[in-house]
Amino acid sequence: MSEQALRLGTRRSKLAMAQSGQVADAVRQVTGRPVELVEITTYGDTSREHLAQIGGTGVFVTALRDALLRGEVDFAVHSLKDLPTAQPDDLALAAVPVREDPRDVLVARDGLTFEGLGAPSAKGTARVGTGSPRRMAQLNAYARSHGLAIETVPIRGNVDSRIGYVRSGELDGVVLAAAGLHRIGRIGEVTDFLPVDTVLPAPGQGALAIECAADNADLIAALAELDDPFTRAAVTAERSLLAALEAGCSAPVGALADLLADGQIVTEMRLRGVVGTTDGSTLVQLSTTGPVPETHDQAMALGRELAAEMLAKGAAGLMGERAH
């Protein structure tokens, strides 16, 4: 008799299905059990409002978590940047696999880079679409400081519809996450990879979260095989910064923790954070460096430390609506 299939809860979008399919393959390998995808529609998928208006935090997550708690699925896969920073007691973050490229990217008309798109020309101001206040703040700040003629335009929709705005000529470019385009095999459409020195990604961007019921010790142990300790430490520090700023995932906060190496030996972790006004007129951008965290608490402390410095520099006044 064949072993019962594990049920993996996933959003229905093409990107969610792709990344959940990759996790399902990995879980089959480590458990030897079949895995079936259970498609779940979330509020964030059905609402047509901009994410900043519907609250951002948890809109893609709640329905998946509810299905877990009802026992309709055994585990769920989320884009980690969509997870609220507070972890529910009855759910376990069983694994954070190796992170995909965390950078933001530009898909623009005529194969142009961001600099090329915004260069003063006869075409006037370039219209660049994004659904993220974080991206708007940093892109507008960069455009201001480099004399680029860029206007950021709020958009929603899946990857197809966003890139469609460029193909139809409605927009000159759109900014997306590199990780998503990698996972659906469309990274070849990128015209510019935006350096993290220009645009810090969302906390947790490029990483996945695999969640299951906290009382399912056997499944937690099996899923832990997929966990990458360096990725987990990095995203824990980033999300600790976000939580300490009391900001939701729709707030204009960017953060990235990366490992600093001396030759082949990893010596330190650097955490960078930014918060700004969406028009780019004001940014608070700081970084801190410390030993590579060996525990969850050490990673959390790194984030709280940087958040305290950012708050002291006036970050709280730049975030608009705060999450409650």
C-alpha atoms as a PDB file:
ATOM      1  CA  MET A   1       0.000   0.000   0.000  1.00  0.00           C
ATOM      2  CA  SER A   2       1.435   3.362  -1.045  1.00  0.00           C
ATOM      3  CA  GLU A   3       2.131   6.005   1.570  1.00  0.00           C
ATOM      4  CA  GLN A   4      -0.422   8.783   1.913  1.00  0.00           C
ATOM      5  CA  ALA A   5       0.415  11.935  -0.038  1.00  0.00           C
ATOM      6  CA  LEU A   6       1.460  15.086   1.801  1.00  0.00           C
ATOM      7  CA  ARG A   7      -0.822  18.006   0.925  1.00  0.00           C
ATOM      8  CA  LEU A   8       1.002  21.250   0.114  1.00  0.00           C
ATOM      9  CA  GLY A   9      -1.111  24.425   0.292  1.00  0.00           C
ATOM     10  CA  THR A  10      -0.245  27.043  -2.299  1.00  0.00           C
ATOM     11  CA  ARG A  11      -1.643  30.171  -3.871  1.00  0.00           C
ATOM     12  CA  ARG A  12      -2.961  29.711  -7.418  1.00  0.00           C
ATOM     13  CA  SER A  13      -0.756  32.237  -9.224  1.00  0.00           C
ATOM     14  CA  LYS A  14       1.731  31.011 -11.819  1.00  0.00           C
ATOM     15  CA  LEU A  15       4.636  32.125  -9.624  1.00  0.00           C
ATOM     16  CA  ALA A  16       3.236  30.506  -6.460  1.00  0.00           C
ATOM     17  CA  MET A  17       2.569  27.264  -8.330  1.00  0.00           C
ATOM     18  CA  ALA A  18       6.100  27.272  -9.747  1.00  0.00           C
ATOM     19  CA  GLN A  19       7.819  27.819  -6.404  1.00  0.00           C
ATOM     20  CA  SER A  20       5.515  25.378  -4.607  1.00  0.00           C
ATOM     21  CA  GLY A  21       6.219  22.789  -7.312  1.00  0.00           C
ATOM     22  CA  GLN A  22       9.950  23.174  -6.691  1.00  0.00           C
ATOM     23  CA  VAL A  23       9.440  22.723  -2.938  1.00  0.00           C
ATOM     24  CA  ALA A  24       7.192  19.706  -3.572  1.00  0.00           C
ATOM     25  CA  ASP A  25       9.984  18.051  -5.588  1.00  0.00           C
ATOM     26  CA  ALA A  26      12.464  18.672  -2.761  1.00  0.00           C
ATOM     27  CA  VAL A  27      10.047  17.318  -0.121  1.00  0.00           C
ATOM     28  CA  ARG A  28       9.458  14.173  -2.192  1.00  0.00           C
ATOM     29  CA  GLN A  29      13.219  13.621  -2.257  1.00  0.00           C
ATOM     30  CA  VAL A  30      13.757  14.017   1.503  1.00  0.00           C
ATOM     31  CA  THR A  31      10.636  12.139   2.652  1.00  0.00           C
ATOM     32  CA  GLY A  32      10.115   9.589  -0.099  1.00  0.00           C
ATOM     33  CA  ARG A  33       6.409  10.426   0.038  1.00  0.00           C
ATOM     34  CA  PRO A  34       4.191  11.749  -2.758  1.00  0.00           C
ATOM     35  CA  VAL A  35       3.224  15.438  -2.504  1.00  0.00           C
ATOM     36  CA  GLU A  36       0.074  16.936  -4.006  1.00  0.00           C
ATOM     37  CA  LEU A  37      -0.530  20.660  -4.484  1.00  0.00           C
ATOM     38  CA  VAL A  38      -3.737  22.072  -2.988  1.00  0.00           C
ATOM     39  CA  GLU A  39      -4.615  25.407  -4.599  1.00  0.00           C
ATOM     40  CA  ILE A  40      -6.020  28.050  -2.261  1.00  0.00           C
ATOM     41  CA  THR A  41      -7.303  31.502  -3.213  1.00  0.00           C
ATOM     42  CA  THR A  42      -6.231  34.316  -0.888  1.00  0.00           C
ATOM     43  CA  TYR A  43      -7.698  37.781  -0.361  1.00  0.00           C
ATOM     44  CA  GLY A  44      -4.611  39.335  -1.906  1.00  0.00           C
ATOM     45  CA  ASP A  45      -5.250  37.346  -5.096  1.00  0.00           C
ATOM     46  CA  THR A  46      -8.879  38.454  -5.502  1.00  0.00           C
ATOM     47  CA  SER A  47      -8.735  42.096  -4.346  1.00  0.00           C
ATOM     48  CA  ARG A  48      -8.093  44.647  -7.064  1.00  0.00           C
ATOM     49  CA  GLU A  49      -6.932  47.311  -4.632  1.00  0.00           C
ATOM     50  CA  HIS A  50      -3.272  48.266  -4.309  1.00  0.00           C
ATOM     51  CA  LEU A  51      -1.451  46.334  -1.589  1.00  0.00           C
ATOM     52  CA  ALA A  52      -0.740  49.466   0.423  1.00  0.00           C
ATOM     53  CA  GLN A  53      -4.520  50.094   0.584  1.00  0.00           C
ATOM     54  CA  ILE A  54      -5.531  46.588   1.676  1.00  0.00           C
ATOM     55  CA  GLY A  55      -2.936  46.488   4.406  1.00  0.00           C
ATOM     56  CA  GLY A  56      -0.206  44.425   2.772  1.00  0.00           C
ATOM     57  CA  THR A  57       0.611  42.310   5.807  1.00  0.00           C
ATOM     58  CA  GLY A  58      -0.849  38.831   5.598  1.00  0.00           C
ATOM     59  CA  VAL A  59      -3.179  39.321   2.633  1.00  0.00           C
ATOM     60  CA  PHE A  60      -1.535  36.423   0.752  1.00  0.00           C
ATOM     61  CA  VAL A  61      -0.996  34.325   3.874  1.00  0.00           C
ATOM     62  CA  THR A  62      -4.155  34.141   6.009  1.00  0.00           C
ATOM     63  CA  ALA A  63      -6.117  31.702   3.826  1.00  0.00           C
ATOM     64  CA  LEU A  64      -3.145  29.312   3.632  1.00  0.00           C
ATOM     65  CA  ARG A  65      -2.661  29.449   7.387  1.00  0.00           C
ATOM     66  CA  ASP A  66      -6.373  28.865   7.977  1.00  0.00           C
ATOM     67  CA  ALA A  67      -6.220  25.764   5.759  1.00  0.00           C
ATOM     68  CA  LEU A  68      -3.246  24.504   7.786  1.00  0.00           C
ATOM     69  CA  LEU A  69      -5.032  25.026  11.087  1.00  0.00           C
ATOM     70  CA  ARG A  70      -8.166  23.265   9.793  1.00  0.00           C
ATOM     71  CA  GLY A  71      -6.057  20.290   8.729  1.00  0.00           C
ATOM     72  CA  GLU A  72      -6.953  20.692   5.043  1.00  0.00           C
ATOM     73  CA  VAL A  73      -3.266  20.807   4.079  1.00  0.00           C
ATOM     74  CA  ASP A  74      -0.159  19.430   5.798  1.00  0.00           C
ATOM     75  CA  PHE A  75       2.203  22.285   4.982  1.00  0.00           C
ATOM     76  CA  ALA A  76       2.227  25.532   3.014  1.00  0.00           C
ATOM     77  CA  VAL A  77       4.730  27.506   0.973  1.00  0.00           C
ATOM     78  CA  HIS A  78       4.815  31.306   1.168  1.00  0.00           C
ATOM     79  CA  SER A  79       6.991  34.012  -0.308  1.00  0.00           C
ATOM     80  CA  LEU A  80       8.734  34.929   2.920  1.00  0.00           C
ATOM     81  CA  LYS A  81       8.401  38.669   2.309  1.00  0.00           C
ATOM     82  CA  ASP A  82       4.595  38.244   2.520  1.00  0.00           C
ATOM     83  CA  LEU A  83       4.681  36.750   6.040  1.00  0.00           C
ATOM     84  CA  PRO A  84       3.715  38.973   8.984  1.00  0.00           C
ATOM     85  CA  THR A  85       6.699  39.323  11.330  1.00  0.00           C
ATOM     86  CA  ALA A  86       4.906  37.739  14.316  1.00  0.00           C
ATOM     87  CA  GLN A  87       4.900  33.942  14.093  1.00  0.00           C
ATOM     88  CA  PRO A  88       1.709  32.272  15.426  1.00  0.00           C
ATOM     89  CA  ASP A  89       2.309  29.819  18.286  1.00  0.00           C
ATOM     90  CA  ASP A  90       0.339  27.055  16.587  1.00  0.00           C
ATOM     91  CA  LEU A  91       2.349  27.172  13.353  1.00  0.00           C
ATOM     92  CA  ALA A  92       6.032  26.379  12.844  1.00  0.00           C
ATOM     93  CA  LEU A  93       8.351  27.975  10.290  1.00  0.00           C
ATOM     94  CA  ALA A  94       9.822  24.560   9.526  1.00  0.00           C
ATOM     95  CA  ALA A  95      12.238  25.544   6.755  1.00  0.00           C
ATOM     96  CA  VAL A  96      13.697  28.518   4.915  1.00  0.00           C
ATOM     97  CA  PRO A  97      15.451  27.054   1.849  1.00  0.00           C
ATOM     98  CA  VAL A  98      18.450  28.629   0.100  1.00  0.00           C
ATOM     99  CA  ARG A  99      17.505  32.090  -1.096  1.00  0.00           C
ATOM    100  CA  GLU A 100      17.106  33.002  -4.740  1.00  0.00           C
ATOM    101  CA  ASP A 101      18.576  36.296  -6.078  1.00  0.00           C
ATOM    102  CA  PRO A 102      17.113  39.003  -3.768  1.00  0.00           C
ATOM    103  CA  ARG A 103      17.541  41.906  -6.193  1.00  0.00           C
ATOM    104  CA  ASP A 104      14.890  43.943  -7.946  1.00  0.00           C
ATOM    105  CA  VAL A 105      15.018  44.089 -11.737  1.00  0.00           C
ATOM    106  CA  LEU A 106      13.734  46.311 -14.516  1.00  0.00           C
ATOM    107  CA  VAL A 107      11.879  45.140 -17.607  1.00  0.00           C
ATOM    108  CA  ALA A 108      11.865  48.135 -19.936  1.00  0.00           C
ATOM    109  CA  ARG A 109      11.046  49.047 -23.514  1.00  0.00           C
ATOM    110  CA  ASP A 110      13.795  48.903 -26.115  1.00  0.00           C
ATOM    111  CA  GLY A 111      16.077  46.893 -23.795  1.00  0.00           C
ATOM    112  CA  LEU A 112      16.877  50.005 -21.754  1.00  0.00           C
ATOM    113  CA  THR A 113      18.528  50.171 -18.333  1.00  0.00           C
ATOM    114  CA  PHE A 114      17.098  52.364 -15.551  1.00  0.00           C
ATOM    115  CA  GLU A 115      19.711  55.035 -16.314  1.00  0.00           C
ATOM    116  CA  GLY A 116      18.925  54.853 -20.027  1.00  0.00           C
ATOM    117  CA  LEU A 117      15.185  55.000 -19.427  1.00  0.00           C
ATOM    118  CA  GLY A 118      15.450  58.138 -17.309  1.00  0.00           C
ATOM    119  CA  ALA A 119      18.068  59.948 -19.371  1.00  0.00           C
ATOM    120  CA  PRO A 120      16.766  63.357 -20.497  1.00  0.00           C
ATOM    121  CA  SER A 121      15.482  62.867 -24.026  1.00  0.00           C
ATOM    122  CA  ALA A 122      12.800  63.855 -26.504  1.00  0.00           C
ATOM    123  CA  LYS A 123      10.546  61.149 -25.099  1.00  0.00           C
ATOM    124  CA  GLY A 124      10.092  63.117 -21.867  1.00  0.00           C
ATOM    125  CA  THR A 125       9.543  61.547 -18.456  1.00  0.00           C
ATOM    126  CA  ALA A 126       9.679  57.744 -18.368  1.00  0.00           C
ATOM    127  CA  ARG A 127       6.782  56.020 -16.565  1.00  0.00           C
ATOM    128  CA  VAL A 128       7.917  53.086 -14.422  1.00  0.00           C
ATOM    129  CA  GLY A 129       5.346  50.817 -12.765  1.00  0.00           C
ATOM    130  CA  THR A 130       5.619  49.136  -9.375  1.00  0.00           C
ATOM    131  CA  GLY A 131       3.189  48.087  -6.657  1.00  0.00           C
ATOM    132  CA  SER A 132       5.723  48.735  -3.896  1.00  0.00           C
ATOM    133  CA  PRO A 133       6.101  51.962  -1.859  1.00  0.00           C
ATOM    134  CA  ARG A 134       9.589  50.690  -0.931  1.00  0.00           C
ATOM    135  CA  ARG A 135      10.627  50.583  -4.571  1.00  0.00           C
ATOM    136  CA  MET A 136       9.012  53.953  -5.282  1.00  0.00           C
ATOM    137  CA  ALA A 137      10.916  55.613  -2.434  1.00  0.00           C
ATOM    138  CA  GLN A 138      14.305  54.319  -3.554  1.00  0.00           C
ATOM    139  CA  LEU A 139      13.801  54.663  -7.315  1.00  0.00           C
ATOM    140  CA  ASN A 140      12.567  58.227  -6.921  1.00  0.00           C
ATOM    141  CA  ALA A 141      15.467  59.073  -4.600  1.00  0.00           C
ATOM    142  CA  TYR A 142      17.960  57.656  -7.099  1.00  0.00           C
ATOM    143  CA  ALA A 143      16.291  59.483  -9.986  1.00  0.00           C
ATOM    144  CA  ARG A 144      16.396  62.767  -8.044  1.00  0.00           C
ATOM    145  CA  SER A 145      20.080  62.445  -7.146  1.00  0.00           C
ATOM    146  CA  HIS A 146      21.117  61.437 -10.681  1.00  0.00           C
ATOM    147  CA  GLY A 147      18.938  63.866 -12.645  1.00  0.00           C
ATOM    148  CA  LEU A 148      16.810  61.137 -14.248  1.00  0.00           C
ATOM    149  CA  ALA A 149      13.358  61.906 -15.678  1.00  0.00           C
ATOM    150  CA  ILE A 150      11.374  59.102 -14.000  1.00  0.00           C
ATOM    151  CA  GLU A 151       7.788  58.961 -12.760  1.00  0.00           C
ATOM    152  CA  THR A 152       6.760  55.937 -10.681  1.00  0.00           C
ATOM    153  CA  VAL A 153       3.244  54.623 -11.303  1.00  0.00           C
ATOM    154  CA  PRO A 154       1.387  52.282  -8.882  1.00  0.00           C
ATOM    155  CA  ILE A 155       0.328  49.003 -10.520  1.00  0.00           C
ATOM    156  CA  ARG A 156      -1.019  45.594  -9.471  1.00  0.00           C
ATOM    157  CA  GLY A 157      -1.342  42.254 -11.168  1.00  0.00           C
ATOM    158  CA  ASN A 158       0.669  39.146 -11.907  1.00  0.00           C
ATOM    159  CA  VAL A 159       3.939  39.038 -13.829  1.00  0.00           C
ATOM    160  CA  ASP A 160       2.183  38.667 -17.194  1.00  0.00           C
ATOM    161  CA  SER A 161      -0.030  41.704 -16.699  1.00  0.00           C
ATOM    162  CA  ARG A 162       2.803  43.848 -15.331  1.00  0.00           C
ATOM    163  CA  ILE A 163       5.167  43.090 -18.204  1.00  0.00           C
ATOM    164  CA  GLY A 164       2.157  43.518 -20.498  1.00  0.00           C
ATOM    165  CA  TYR A 165       2.008  47.205 -19.548  1.00  0.00           C
ATOM    166  CA  VAL A 166       5.463  47.592 -21.114  1.00  0.00           C
ATOM    167  CA  ARG A 167       4.757  45.464 -24.180  1.00  0.00           C
ATOM    168  CA  SER A 168       1.589  47.494 -24.889  1.00  0.00           C
ATOM    169  CA  GLY A 169       3.405  50.822 -24.502  1.00  0.00           C
ATOM    170  CA  GLU A 170       1.284  51.884 -21.533  1.00  0.00           C
ATOM    171  CA  LEU A 171       4.414  52.052 -19.369  1.00  0.00           C
ATOM    172  CA  ASP A 172       8.091  52.478 -20.221  1.00  0.00           C
ATOM    173  CA  GLY A 173       9.202  49.923 -17.667  1.00  0.00           C
ATOM    174  CA  VAL A 174       8.180  47.872 -14.638  1.00  0.00           C
ATOM    175  CA  VAL A 175      10.196  46.815 -11.600  1.00  0.00           C
ATOM    176  CA  LEU A 176       9.834  43.233 -10.360  1.00  0.00           C
ATOM    177  CA  ALA A 177      11.679  40.787  -8.112  1.00  0.00           C
ATOM    178  CA  ALA A 178      14.439  38.815  -9.810  1.00  0.00           C
ATOM    179  CA  ALA A 179      13.532  35.708  -7.783  1.00  0.00           C
ATOM    180  CA  GLY A 180      10.041  35.447  -9.228  1.00  0.00           C
ATOM    181  CA  LEU A 181      11.247  35.771 -12.811  1.00  0.00           C
ATOM    182  CA  HIS A 182      13.939  33.127 -12.160  1.00  0.00           C
ATOM    183  CA  ARG A 183      11.353  30.720 -10.784  1.00  0.00           C
ATOM    184  CA  ILE A 184       9.001  31.023 -13.757  1.00  0.00           C
ATOM    185  CA  GLY A 185      11.805  30.954 -16.327  1.00  0.00           C
ATOM    186  CA  ARG A 186      11.472  34.560 -17.531  1.00  0.00           C
ATOM    187  CA  ILE A 187      14.702  36.106 -16.270  1.00  0.00           C
ATOM    188  CA  GLY A 188      15.740  36.595 -19.914  1.00  0.00           C
ATOM    189  CA  GLU A 189      13.244  39.463 -20.213  1.00  0.00           C
ATOM    190  CA  VAL A 190      15.129  41.584 -17.664  1.00  0.00           C
ATOM    191  CA  THR A 191      16.780  44.675 -19.139  1.00  0.00           C
ATOM    192  CA  ASP A 192      18.541  45.822 -15.944  1.00  0.00           C
ATOM    193  CA  PHE A 193      19.452  44.202 -12.613  1.00  0.00           C
ATOM    194  CA  LEU A 194      19.146  46.960 -10.014  1.00  0.00           C
ATOM    195  CA  PRO A 195      22.118  46.880  -7.609  1.00  0.00           C
ATOM    196  CA  VAL A 196      21.209  46.580  -3.926  1.00  0.00           C
ATOM    197  CA  ASP A 197      23.211  49.780  -3.406  1.00  0.00           C
ATOM    198  CA  THR A 198      20.499  51.486  -5.501  1.00  0.00           C
ATOM    199  CA  VAL A 199      17.407  49.597  -4.324  1.00  0.00           C
ATOM    200  CA  LEU A 200      17.439  47.467  -1.178  1.00  0.00           C
ATOM    201  CA  PRO A 201      14.951  44.597  -1.513  1.00  0.00           C
ATOM    202  CA  ALA A 202      12.000  43.903   0.767  1.00  0.00           C
ATOM    203  CA  PRO A 203      12.904  42.048   3.971  1.00  0.00           C
ATOM    204  CA  GLY A 204      12.952  38.356   3.078  1.00  0.00           C
ATOM    205  CA  GLN A 205      12.737  38.953  -0.685  1.00  0.00           C
ATOM    206  CA  GLY A 206      13.849  35.950  -2.724  1.00  0.00           C
ATOM    207  CA  ALA A 207      13.355  33.537   0.179  1.00  0.00           C
ATOM    208  CA  LEU A 208      10.569  31.010   0.697  1.00  0.00           C
ATOM    209  CA  ALA A 209       8.918  29.995   3.965  1.00  0.00           C
ATOM    210  CA  ILE A 210       7.685  26.447   4.528  1.00  0.00           C
ATOM    211  CA  GLU A 211       5.152  26.339   7.336  1.00  0.00           C
ATOM    212  CA  CYS A 212       3.294  23.518   9.078  1.00  0.00           C
ATOM    213  CA  ALA A 213       1.397  22.846  12.303  1.00  0.00           C
ATOM    214  CA  ALA A 214       3.592  23.342  15.376  1.00  0.00           C
ATOM    215  CA  ASP A 215       2.497  20.013  16.874  1.00  0.00           C
ATOM    216  CA  ASN A 216       3.534  17.920  13.853  1.00  0.00           C
ATOM    217  CA  ALA A 217       7.033  17.039  15.083  1.00  0.00           C
ATOM    218  CA  ASP A 218       7.693  14.375  12.411  1.00  0.00           C
ATOM    219  CA  LEU A 219       6.875  16.718   9.534  1.00  0.00           C
ATOM    220  CA  ILE A 220       8.862  19.577  11.100  1.00  0.00           C
ATOM    221  CA  ALA A 221      11.884  17.268  11.324  1.00  0.00           C
ATOM    222  CA  ALA A 222      11.483  16.147   7.693  1.00  0.00           C
ATOM    223  CA  LEU A 223      11.035  19.685   6.334  1.00  0.00           C
ATOM    224  CA  ALA A 224      14.053  20.886   8.341  1.00  0.00           C
ATOM    225  CA  GLU A 225      16.199  19.004   5.809  1.00  0.00           C
ATOM    226  CA  LEU A 226      15.421  21.854   3.376  1.00  0.00           C
ATOM    227  CA  ASP A 227      16.458  24.626   5.775  1.00  0.00           C
ATOM    228  CA  ASP A 228      19.481  26.800   4.954  1.00  0.00           C
ATOM    229  CA  PRO A 229      20.910  28.246   8.189  1.00  0.00           C
ATOM    230  CA  PHE A 230      22.572  31.253   6.524  1.00  0.00           C
ATOM    231  CA  THR A 231      19.384  32.219   4.684  1.00  0.00           C
ATOM    232  CA  ARG A 232      17.348  31.790   7.863  1.00  0.00           C
ATOM    233  CA  ALA A 233      19.757  33.979   9.864  1.00  0.00           C
ATOM    234  CA  ALA A 234      19.709  36.686   7.177  1.00  0.00           C
ATOM    235  CA  VAL A 235      15.940  36.860   6.817  1.00  0.00           C
ATOM    236  CA  THR A 236      15.467  36.697  10.598  1.00  0.00           C
ATOM    237  CA  ALA A 237      17.660  39.793  10.964  1.00  0.00           C
ATOM    238  CA  GLU A 238      15.806  41.577   8.135  1.00  0.00           C
ATOM    239  CA  ARG A 239      12.377  40.766   9.559  1.00  0.00           C
ATOM    240  CA  SER A 240      13.488  41.743  13.060  1.00  0.00           C
ATOM    241  CA  LEU A 241      14.387  45.165  11.656  1.00  0.00           C
ATOM    242  CA  LEU A 242      10.952  45.397  10.022  1.00  0.00           C
ATOM    243  CA  ALA A 243       9.181  44.393  13.235  1.00  0.00           C
ATOM    244  CA  ALA A 244      11.193  46.819  15.365  1.00  0.00           C
ATOM    245  CA  LEU A 245      10.247  49.637  12.997  1.00  0.00           C
ATOM    246  CA  GLU A 246       6.626  48.518  13.573  1.00  0.00           C
ATOM    247  CA  ALA A 247       6.129  48.479   9.836  1.00  0.00           C
ATOM    248  CA  GLY A 248       3.938  46.186   7.745  1.00  0.00           C
ATOM    249  CA  CYS A 249       5.163  44.568   4.545  1.00  0.00           C
ATOM    250  CA  SER A 250       3.510  47.358   2.521  1.00  0.00           C
ATOM    251  CA  ALA A 251       5.619  50.039   4.256  1.00  0.00           C
ATOM    252  CA  PRO A 252       8.528  51.605   2.316  1.00  0.00           C
ATOM    253  CA  VAL A 253      11.174  49.590   4.193  1.00  0.00           C
ATOM    254  CA  GLY A 254      14.045  47.792   2.474  1.00  0.00           C
ATOM    255  CA  ALA A 255      16.503  45.469   4.196  1.00  0.00           C
ATOM    256  CA  LEU A 256      19.194  42.999   3.210  1.00  0.00           C
ATOM    257  CA  ALA A 257      21.525  40.911   5.346  1.00  0.00           C
ATOM    258  CA  ASP A 258      24.494  39.414   3.553  1.00  0.00           C
ATOM    259  CA  LEU A 259      27.539  37.464   4.588  1.00  0.00           C
ATOM    260  CA  LEU A 260      30.994  38.997   4.440  1.00  0.00           C
ATOM    261  CA  ALA A 261      33.824  36.603   3.703  1.00  0.00           C
ATOM    262  CA  ASP A 262      37.588  36.691   4.062  1.00  0.00           C
ATOM    263  CA  GLY A 263      38.603  34.410   1.241  1.00  0.00           C
ATOM    264  CA  GLN A 264      36.575  31.220   1.707  1.00  0.00           C
ATOM    265  CA  ILE A 265      35.783  31.901   5.354  1.00  0.00           C
ATOM    266  CA  VAL A 266      32.571  33.708   6.272  1.00  0.00           C
ATOM    267  CA  THR A 267      33.454  36.155   9.020  1.00  0.00           C
ATOM    268  CA  GLU A 268      30.571  38.587   9.526  1.00  0.00           C
ATOM    269  CA  MET A 269      27.007  39.467   8.606  1.00  0.00           C
ATOM    270  CA  ARG A 270      26.147  42.940   7.335  1.00  0.00           C
ATOM    271  CA  LEU A 271      22.591  44.228   7.650  1.00  0.00           C
ATOM    272  CA  ARG A 272      21.489  47.223   5.608  1.00  0.00           C
ATOM    273  CA  GLY A 273      18.168  48.999   6.051  1.00  0.00           C
ATOM    274  CA  VAL A 274      16.330  51.862   4.384  1.00  0.00           C
ATOM    275  CA  VAL A 275      13.056  53.674   4.901  1.00  0.00           C
ATOM    276  CA  GLY A 276      11.854  56.677   2.939  1.00  0.00           C
ATOM    277  CA  THR A 277       9.054  58.788   1.632  1.00  0.00           C
ATOM    278  CA  THR A 278       7.580  57.439  -1.588  1.00  0.00           C
ATOM    279  CA  ASP A 279       8.495  60.598  -3.509  1.00  0.00           C
ATOM    280  CA  GLY A 280      12.144  59.914  -2.702  1.00  0.00           C
ATOM    281  CA  SER A 281      12.699  63.290  -1.049  1.00  0.00           C
ATOM    282  CA  THR A 282      13.910  61.762   2.231  1.00  0.00           C
ATOM    283  CA  LEU A 283      15.639  58.453   2.957  1.00  0.00           C
ATOM    284  CA  VAL A 284      17.109  57.067   6.159  1.00  0.00           C
ATOM    285  CA  GLN A 285      19.643  54.446   5.117  1.00  0.00           C
ATOM    286  CA  LEU A 286      22.025  52.771   7.578  1.00  0.00           C
ATOM    287  CA  SER A 287      23.956  49.536   8.021  1.00  0.00           C
ATOM    288  CA  THR A 288      25.508  47.513  10.817  1.00  0.00           C
ATOM    289  CA  THR A 289      27.936  44.626  10.850  1.00  0.00           C
ATOM    290  CA  GLY A 290      28.393  41.899  13.436  1.00  0.00           C
ATOM    291  CA  PRO A 291      29.400  38.276  13.909  1.00  0.00           C
ATOM    292  CA  VAL A 292      27.398  35.744  11.879  1.00  0.00           C
ATOM    293  CA  PRO A 293      24.402  34.958  14.123  1.00  0.00           C
ATOM    294  CA  GLU A 294      24.497  31.437  15.507  1.00  0.00           C
ATOM    295  CA  THR A 295      21.086  31.616  17.156  1.00  0.00           C
ATOM    296  CA  HIS A 296      17.659  33.035  16.385  1.00  0.00           C
ATOM    297  CA  ASP A 297      18.057  35.540  19.227  1.00  0.00           C
ATOM    298  CA  GLN A 298      21.375  36.831  17.872  1.00  0.00           C
ATOM    299  CA  ALA A 299      19.845  37.409  14.428  1.00  0.00           C
ATOM    300  CA  MET A 300      16.880  39.185  16.026  1.00  0.00           C
ATOM    301  CA  ALA A 301      19.238  41.402  18.034  1.00  0.00           C
ATOM    302  CA  LEU A 302      21.085  42.487  14.877  1.00  0.00           C
ATOM    303  CA  GLY A 303      17.810  43.693  13.357  1.00  0.00           C
ATOM    304  CA  ARG A 304      16.655  45.472  16.509  1.00  0.00           C
ATOM    305  CA  GLU A 305      20.017  47.226  16.835  1.00  0.00           C
ATOM    306  CA  LEU A 306      19.845  48.683  13.335  1.00  0.00           C
ATOM    307  CA  ALA A 307      16.164  49.612  13.727  1.00  0.00           C
ATOM    308  CA  ALA A 308      16.999  51.586  16.879  1.00  0.00           C
ATOM    309  CA  GLU A 309      19.645  53.544  14.967  1.00  0.00           C
ATOM    310  CA  MET A 310      17.206  54.213  12.110  1.00  0.00           C
ATOM    311  CA  LEU A 311      14.465  55.359  14.496  1.00  0.00           C
ATOM    312  CA  ALA A 312      16.970  57.702  16.142  1.00  0.00           C
ATOM    313  CA  LYS A 313      17.583  59.203  12.676  1.00  0.00           C
ATOM    314  CA  GLY A 314      13.861  59.858  12.140  1.00  0.00           C
ATOM    315  CA  ALA A 315      12.712  56.707  10.351  1.00  0.00           C
ATOM    316  CA  ALA A 316       9.348  56.561  12.146  1.00  0.00           C
ATOM    317  CA  GLY A 317       8.116  59.756  10.539  1.00  0.00           C
ATOM    318  CA  LEU A 318       8.797  58.442   7.006  1.00  0.00           C
ATOM    319  CA  MET A 319       6.659  55.315   7.020  1.00  0.00           C
ATOM    320  CA  GLY A 320       3.176  56.775   6.725  1.00  0.00           C
ATOM    321  CA  GLU A 321       0.647  54.256   7.972  1.00  0.00           C
ATOM    322  CA  ARG A 322       2.113  51.852  10.487  1.00  0.00           C
ATOM    323  CA  ALA A 323       0.934  48.309  10.899  1.00  0.00           C
ATOM    324  CA  HIS A 324      -1.129  47.617  14.017  1.00  0.00           C
END
